[in-house]
């Protein structure tokens, strides 16, 4: 979902309304970070349990890019913001220079990292510069910020890695650094990741989710999940509403393809206009409609069996094996996740105690 604005279908839109809306800037949804999935705060996450009232920060707001001077750093930040919000126009599959075609789809980073990476529980990226390098369970090694961004490029954007010395990578890093302006180094804001709903005590149901999708999501994302391109039938100008599955969406290794990540993202951000203070779907509706989305076909990423070399650190909702806990891929994909979590914790305790699992 890389990275997904379900636009509200509660009030049917007339054609003229759609035309007016198309001329507005998109608040894209999905992947890239879509790519999205890691255990790093701010990117797609998968720690759950109880839903606590969100802490509200009233003392910090994202800095204004337009207020920067026109110097080297200001230019880099603006370029990074532009790449973040219109990835397809700079490194997408339809750009004029074939050497710059790093993204494999026409999504944008902001498709998943909402409001240019500043929306609480919309996978924000503010405050992340100081978190890297950080250990990545998926890699089984320390990862730099550049490596984390390239994880989005190869998963949510279904493309290839950016060279670490490229102007595009340096610009994206400058933008993320800028979004931390004014944040104390030893302080963390609330709102990272996608939220933390209670888990269901049953498997999420794609069929129930289909009914929710038809009511709340289909009008904008379409019956085939293909979204709405900005320029008619082609995607050279990206999407007004991003695709949720199919060849133009994030691949099966993206964080947004994990149920806990996408279900929370939906609950706290969708349909269009919802936020963590005003969710429009119930908890069960969010789990089920997310199950419907992840049940659909999407691009395949090779080598996923090499992710999470320490299987005990593999998130419970990782929809591909191998696993250490003996549960099926089906249960890892749709839940219930409580028994999986208990089994993993038992295996970790046995390992810590010197017993062979």
Protein backbone atom coordinates (compact mmCIF):
# COMPACT_ATOMS: atom_id res chain seq x y z
CA UNK A 1 0.00 0.00 0.00
CA UNK A 2 6.04 1.64 -0.38
CA UNK A 3 3.53 3.72 1.07
CA UNK A 4 -1.98 5.11 0.74
CA UNK A 5 -4.56 7.67 0.61
CA UNK A 6 -7.90 5.99 0.49
CA UNK A 7 -9.94 8.99 -0.54
CA UNK A 8 -13.27 9.21 1.17
CA UNK A 9 -16.19 7.55 -0.53
CA UNK A 10 -18.65 8.44 2.17
CA UNK A 11 -20.03 11.26 -0.01
CA UNK A 12 -20.12 10.33 -3.72
CA UNK A 13 -18.28 12.87 -5.87
CA UNK A 14 -19.65 14.38 -9.04
CA UNK A 15 -17.44 14.40 -12.13
CA UNK A 16 -16.90 18.14 -11.83
CA UNK A 17 -15.74 17.63 -8.26
CA UNK A 18 -13.25 15.02 -9.39
CA UNK A 19 -11.90 17.38 -12.03
CA UNK A 20 -11.42 20.13 -9.47
CA UNK A 21 -9.82 17.67 -7.06
CA UNK A 22 -7.42 16.41 -9.73
CA UNK A 23 -5.97 19.89 -10.00
CA UNK A 24 -5.06 19.89 -6.35
CA UNK A 25 -1.76 18.50 -5.03
CA UNK A 26 -2.01 14.82 -4.18
CA UNK A 27 -1.52 13.54 -0.71
CA UNK A 28 -0.12 10.32 -1.90
CA UNK A 29 -0.22 7.14 -0.07
CA UNK A 30 1.82 4.16 -0.35
CA UNK A 31 5.02 2.67 -0.75
CA UNK A 32 8.47 3.55 -0.56
CA UNK A 33 9.39 3.27 1.70
CA UNK A 34 6.98 2.80 0.48
CA UNK A 35 9.19 1.13 1.03
CA UNK A 36 8.36 0.77 3.66
CA UNK A 37 8.62 -1.85 6.68
CA UNK A 38 11.47 -1.77 8.95
CA UNK A 39 11.95 -1.78 12.65
CA UNK A 40 13.33 1.75 12.40
CA UNK A 41 10.94 4.37 13.83
CA UNK A 42 9.34 6.50 11.17
CA UNK A 43 9.39 3.76 8.58
CA UNK A 44 6.84 0.97 8.41
CA UNK A 45 6.72 -0.82 11.74
CA UNK A 46 5.19 -3.87 13.27
CA UNK A 47 5.04 -3.68 17.04
CA UNK A 48 1.51 -3.97 18.41
CA UNK A 49 -0.79 -4.71 21.25
CA UNK A 50 -2.86 -2.18 23.08
CA UNK A 51 -4.06 1.10 21.71
CA UNK A 52 -3.05 3.90 24.06
CA UNK A 53 -4.32 7.46 23.67
CA UNK A 54 -1.78 9.18 21.42
CA UNK A 55 0.51 11.73 23.01
CA UNK A 56 0.06 15.12 21.38
CA UNK A 57 3.07 17.40 20.89
CA UNK A 58 2.15 21.07 20.72
CA UNK A 59 5.61 22.63 20.88
CA UNK A 60 7.09 21.67 17.50
CA UNK A 61 5.91 21.93 13.92
CA UNK A 62 7.76 20.94 10.73
CA UNK A 63 10.08 23.69 9.50
CA UNK A 64 9.20 25.64 6.34
CA UNK A 65 11.28 24.72 3.29
CA UNK A 66 10.32 27.95 1.55
CA UNK A 67 12.03 30.00 4.28
CA UNK A 68 15.47 28.55 3.52
CA UNK A 69 18.07 30.78 1.86
CA UNK A 70 19.02 30.01 -1.73
CA UNK A 71 22.39 28.56 -0.73
CA UNK A 72 23.86 25.10 -1.29
CA UNK A 73 22.03 23.50 1.62
CA UNK A 74 18.75 25.23 0.83
CA UNK A 75 18.94 24.06 -2.77
CA UNK A 76 19.68 20.49 -1.66
CA UNK A 77 16.72 20.48 0.75
CA UNK A 78 14.36 21.82 -1.90
CA UNK A 79 15.57 19.24 -4.39
CA UNK A 80 15.13 16.52 -1.77
CA UNK A 81 11.60 17.68 -0.99
CA UNK A 82 10.78 17.69 -4.70
CA UNK A 83 12.13 14.15 -5.15
CA UNK A 84 10.23 13.03 -2.06
CA UNK A 85 6.90 14.41 -3.23
CA UNK A 86 7.28 13.80 -7.00
CA UNK A 87 9.67 10.86 -7.16
CA UNK A 88 8.29 9.76 -10.52
CA UNK A 89 9.32 13.08 -12.13
CA UNK A 90 12.98 12.84 -11.08
CA UNK A 91 13.92 9.15 -10.91
CA UNK A 92 10.78 7.41 -12.18
CA UNK A 93 10.48 4.84 -14.98
CA UNK A 94 9.42 7.47 -17.55
CA UNK A 95 12.08 10.16 -17.06
CA UNK A 96 13.95 11.20 -20.20
CA UNK A 97 17.40 10.00 -19.08
CA UNK A 98 17.41 6.18 -18.87
CA UNK A 99 20.30 6.32 -16.40
CA UNK A 100 18.04 8.16 -13.93
CA UNK A 101 15.25 5.58 -14.01
CA UNK A 102 15.83 4.20 -10.53
CA UNK A 103 12.21 3.76 -9.46
CA UNK A 104 10.36 0.85 -11.01
CA UNK A 105 6.92 2.41 -10.56
CA UNK A 106 5.42 5.90 -10.67
CA UNK A 107 4.68 6.20 -6.98
CA UNK A 108 6.29 8.86 -4.79
CA UNK A 109 7.94 8.59 -1.39
CA UNK A 110 5.03 10.75 -0.20
CA UNK A 111 2.60 8.06 -1.36
CA UNK A 112 3.35 6.33 1.94
CA UNK A 113 5.06 9.05 3.93
CA UNK A 114 2.12 11.40 4.02
CA UNK A 115 2.22 15.19 3.90
CA UNK A 116 5.79 15.09 2.59
CA UNK A 117 6.85 12.91 5.52
CA UNK A 118 5.42 15.11 8.29
CA UNK A 119 2.06 13.55 9.18
CA UNK A 120 1.83 11.84 12.56
CA UNK A 121 1.20 8.11 12.16
CA UNK A 122 1.48 8.62 8.40
CA UNK A 123 5.04 7.22 8.42
CA UNK A 124 6.73 10.57 9.17
CA UNK A 125 10.46 10.96 8.62
CA UNK A 126 11.13 13.92 10.91
CA UNK A 127 13.74 13.36 13.59
CA UNK A 128 15.32 10.34 11.90
CA UNK A 129 18.71 11.71 10.94
CA UNK A 130 20.15 11.05 14.41
CA UNK A 131 18.85 7.46 14.44
CA UNK A 132 21.32 6.23 11.84
CA UNK A 133 23.35 4.14 11.53
CA UNK A 134 21.07 1.63 13.23
CA UNK A 135 20.85 -2.14 13.43
CA UNK A 136 18.47 -3.55 10.81
CA UNK A 137 16.92 -6.90 11.70
CA UNK A 138 15.95 -7.37 8.06
CA UNK A 139 19.57 -6.98 6.93
CA UNK A 140 21.05 -8.64 9.99
CA UNK A 141 23.58 -5.80 10.12
CA UNK A 142 23.95 -2.12 10.79
CA UNK A 143 22.36 0.10 8.15
CA UNK A 144 23.05 3.71 7.24
CA UNK A 145 20.33 6.19 6.32
CA UNK A 146 21.31 5.79 2.66
CA UNK A 147 20.91 2.02 2.92
CA UNK A 148 17.51 2.45 4.57
CA UNK A 149 16.37 4.77 1.79
CA UNK A 150 17.56 2.27 -0.79
CA UNK A 151 15.50 -0.39 0.92
CA UNK A 152 12.51 1.76 -0.02
CA UNK A 153 13.82 2.14 -3.55
CA UNK A 154 14.04 -1.61 -4.10
CA UNK A 155 10.83 -2.53 -2.29
CA UNK A 156 8.22 0.22 -2.16
CA UNK A 157 9.42 1.78 -5.39
CA UNK A 158 10.08 -1.66 -6.89
CA UNK A 159 13.26 -0.33 -8.48
CA UNK A 160 17.02 -0.27 -8.01
CA UNK A 161 19.31 1.36 -5.47
CA UNK A 162 20.43 4.96 -5.80
CA UNK A 163 24.22 5.46 -5.72
CA UNK A 164 25.11 6.81 -2.29
CA UNK A 165 27.10 9.67 -3.85
CA UNK A 166 24.33 10.66 -6.26
CA UNK A 167 22.79 14.13 -6.08
CA UNK A 168 19.38 12.50 -5.57
CA UNK A 169 20.48 10.50 -2.51
CA UNK A 170 22.29 13.50 -1.04
CA UNK A 171 19.21 15.66 -1.59
CA UNK A 172 16.89 13.18 0.11
CA UNK A 173 19.26 12.98 3.10
CA UNK A 174 19.39 16.79 3.27
CA UNK A 175 15.59 16.98 3.33
CA UNK A 176 15.32 14.43 6.14
CA UNK A 177 18.02 16.28 8.08
CA UNK A 178 16.14 19.55 7.60
CA UNK A 179 12.90 18.07 8.94
CA UNK A 180 14.69 17.57 12.27
CA UNK A 181 15.38 21.30 12.61
CA UNK A 182 14.55 22.52 16.10
CA UNK A 183 14.28 19.05 17.64
CA UNK A 184 16.41 18.49 20.76
CA UNK A 185 18.93 15.72 20.07
CA UNK A 186 17.89 13.77 23.16
CA UNK A 187 14.13 14.07 22.62
CA UNK A 188 11.68 12.02 20.57
CA UNK A 189 8.32 13.19 19.30
CA UNK A 190 5.23 11.04 19.25
CA UNK A 191 3.63 9.97 16.00
CA UNK A 192 6.30 7.78 14.43
CA UNK A 193 5.37 4.78 12.33
CA UNK A 194 1.75 4.03 11.54
CA UNK A 195 0.14 3.68 14.97
CA UNK A 196 -0.54 0.75 17.24
CA UNK A 197 -4.05 -0.72 17.13
CA UNK A 198 -5.04 -3.74 19.23
CA UNK A 199 -4.50 -7.03 17.44
CA UNK A 200 -7.50 -9.13 16.50
CA UNK A 201 -8.03 -12.47 18.22
CA UNK A 202 -8.98 -13.88 14.81
CA UNK A 203 -7.48 -13.83 11.36
CA UNK A 204 -8.16 -10.68 9.38
CA UNK A 205 -10.70 -11.50 6.67
CA UNK A 206 -10.07 -10.41 3.05
CA UNK A 207 -13.72 -11.11 2.12
CA UNK A 208 -15.06 -8.86 4.86
CA UNK A 209 -12.42 -6.38 3.80
CA UNK A 210 -13.66 -6.43 0.24
CA UNK A 211 -17.00 -5.07 1.40
CA UNK A 212 -15.24 -2.28 3.32
CA UNK A 213 -13.09 -1.52 0.28
CA UNK A 214 -16.17 -1.30 -1.94
CA UNK A 215 -17.80 1.18 0.44
CA UNK A 216 -14.84 3.32 1.47
CA UNK A 217 -12.00 2.93 -1.04
CA UNK A 218 -13.18 1.77 -4.44
CA UNK A 219 -14.43 5.15 -5.68
CA UNK A 220 -10.87 6.51 -5.78
CA UNK A 221 -8.58 3.49 -5.89
CA UNK A 222 -10.82 1.62 -8.34
CA UNK A 223 -12.17 -1.89 -8.45
CA UNK A 224 -8.83 -3.15 -9.75
CA UNK A 225 -6.80 -1.21 -7.18
CA UNK A 226 -5.02 0.72 -9.94
CA UNK A 227 -5.61 4.22 -8.55
CA UNK A 228 -5.95 7.36 -10.70
CA UNK A 229 -3.01 8.55 -12.85
CA UNK A 230 -2.54 12.32 -13.06
CA UNK A 231 -2.28 12.30 -16.83
CA UNK A 232 -5.10 10.09 -18.02
CA UNK A 233 -4.14 6.60 -19.08
CA UNK A 234 -0.37 7.00 -18.51
CA UNK A 235 1.64 7.43 -15.32
CA UNK A 236 4.43 9.78 -16.41
CA UNK A 237 3.07 12.39 -13.99
CA UNK A 238 2.49 9.96 -11.17
CA UNK A 239 -0.82 9.31 -9.48
CA UNK A 240 -3.56 11.49 -8.11
CA UNK A 241 -4.55 8.40 -6.12
CA UNK A 242 -1.87 5.68 -5.89
CA UNK A 243 -2.43 2.05 -6.82
CA UNK A 244 -2.77 -0.45 -3.99
CA UNK A 245 -1.90 -3.57 -5.97
CA UNK A 246 -0.97 -4.64 -9.47
CA UNK A 247 2.14 -3.95 -11.54
CA UNK A 248 2.29 -0.26 -10.59
CA UNK A 249 2.28 -0.81 -6.84
CA UNK A 250 4.91 -1.68 -4.21
CA UNK A 251 6.34 -5.18 -4.31
CA UNK A 252 5.80 -8.05 -1.90
CA UNK A 253 8.93 -7.21 0.10
CA UNK A 254 7.74 -3.71 1.04
CA UNK A 255 6.80 -2.82 4.57
CA UNK A 256 3.34 -1.79 3.42
CA UNK A 257 2.75 -5.40 2.40
CA UNK A 258 2.77 -6.40 6.07
CA UNK A 259 -0.66 -6.49 7.64
CA UNK A 260 0.14 -4.74 10.93
CA UNK A 261 1.76 -1.85 9.09
CA UNK A 262 -0.94 -1.32 6.50
CA UNK A 263 -3.88 -1.91 8.87
CA UNK A 264 -2.62 0.78 11.25
CA UNK A 265 -1.86 3.08 8.32
CA UNK A 266 -5.43 2.68 7.08
CA UNK A 267 -7.02 3.16 10.49
CA UNK A 268 -5.16 6.38 11.29
CA UNK A 269 -5.12 7.92 7.80
CA UNK A 270 -7.92 6.60 5.58
CA UNK A 271 -10.25 7.38 3.95
CA UNK A 272 -8.90 10.76 2.85
CA UNK A 273 -9.31 13.28 5.67
CA UNK A 274 -8.96 10.82 8.55
CA UNK A 275 -6.18 11.16 11.11
CA UNK A 276 -5.20 9.65 14.44
CA UNK A 277 -7.56 11.98 16.30
CA UNK A 278 -10.45 11.30 13.95
CA UNK A 279 -10.37 7.75 12.49
CA UNK A 280 -13.22 6.95 10.11
CA UNK A 281 -12.93 3.16 10.00
CA UNK A 282 -13.30 0.91 13.01
CA UNK A 283 -10.40 -1.23 14.17
CA UNK A 284 -11.96 -4.38 12.69
CA UNK A 285 -12.75 -2.65 9.40
CA UNK A 286 -9.16 -1.47 9.11
CA UNK A 287 -7.74 -4.95 9.73
CA UNK A 288 -10.10 -6.56 7.23
CA UNK A 289 -9.73 -4.01 4.43
CA UNK A 290 -5.95 -4.21 4.84
CA UNK A 291 -6.20 -7.99 4.50
CA UNK A 292 -8.12 -7.50 1.26
CA UNK A 293 -5.34 -5.26 -0.10
CA UNK A 294 -2.45 -7.58 0.83
CA UNK A 295 -4.33 -10.55 -0.62
CA UNK A 296 -4.09 -9.01 -4.11
CA UNK A 297 -1.33 -9.65 -6.69
CA UNK A 298 1.70 -7.37 -6.79
CA UNK A 299 5.29 -7.42 -8.09
CA UNK A 300 7.60 -10.06 -6.64
CA UNK A 301 10.98 -9.25 -5.12
CA UNK A 302 13.66 -11.89 -5.50
CA UNK A 303 15.66 -13.09 -2.50
CA UNK A 304 13.13 -12.47 0.26
CA UNK A 305 14.16 -15.74 1.90
CA UNK A 306 17.39 -13.96 2.90
CA UNK A 307 15.58 -11.26 4.91
CA UNK A 308 15.83 -11.43 8.72
CA UNK A 309 18.74 -13.88 9.04
CA UNK A 310 17.92 -14.15 12.76
CA UNK A 311 14.44 -15.67 12.37
CA UNK A 312 13.55 -14.82 15.97
CA UNK A 313 13.70 -11.13 15.02
CA UNK A 314 11.37 -11.57 12.06
CA UNK A 315 8.16 -9.54 12.58
CA UNK A 316 5.13 -11.71 13.22
CA UNK A 317 3.31 -10.32 10.17
CA UNK A 318 6.09 -10.97 7.65
CA UNK A 319 4.10 -12.63 4.84
CA UNK A 320 6.96 -14.80 3.55
CA UNK A 321 9.12 -17.48 5.13
CA UNK A 322 11.18 -19.12 6.35
CA UNK A 323 10.08 -18.86 9.98
CA UNK A 324 11.45 -20.10 13.30
CA UNK A 325 8.10 -20.53 15.05
CA UNK A 326 6.35 -23.33 13.11
CA UNK A 327 3.32 -21.25 12.09
CA UNK A 328 2.09 -21.15 8.50
CA UNK A 329 2.68 -18.38 5.99
CA UNK A 330 -1.09 -17.90 5.94
CA UNK A 331 -1.20 -17.12 9.66
CA UNK A 332 1.81 -14.84 9.42
CA UNK A 333 0.02 -12.95 6.65
CA UNK A 334 -3.45 -12.58 8.20
CA UNK A 335 -3.09 -13.52 11.87
CA UNK A 336 -4.08 -14.09 14.56
CA UNK A 337 -0.65 -12.90 15.68
CA UNK A 338 -0.90 -13.50 19.43
CA UNK A 339 0.05 -17.20 19.28
CA UNK A 340 2.99 -16.41 16.98
CA UNK A 341 4.28 -13.74 19.35
CA UNK A 342 4.01 -16.11 22.31
CA UNK A 343 5.89 -18.85 20.45
CA UNK A 344 8.69 -16.49 19.46
CA UNK A 345 9.05 -15.18 22.99
CA UNK A 346 9.30 -18.75 24.26
CA UNK A 347 12.00 -19.55 21.70
CA UNK A 348 13.92 -16.42 22.67
CA UNK A 349 13.74 -17.39 26.36
CA UNK A 350 14.97 -20.88 25.58
CA UNK A 351 17.84 -19.46 23.53
CA UNK A 352 18.78 -17.06 26.32
CA UNK A 353 18.72 -19.95 28.78
CA UNK A 354 21.08 -21.98 26.67
CA UNK A 355 18.48 -24.50 25.53
CA UNK A 356 18.32 -25.58 21.92
CA UNK A 357 14.96 -24.39 20.45
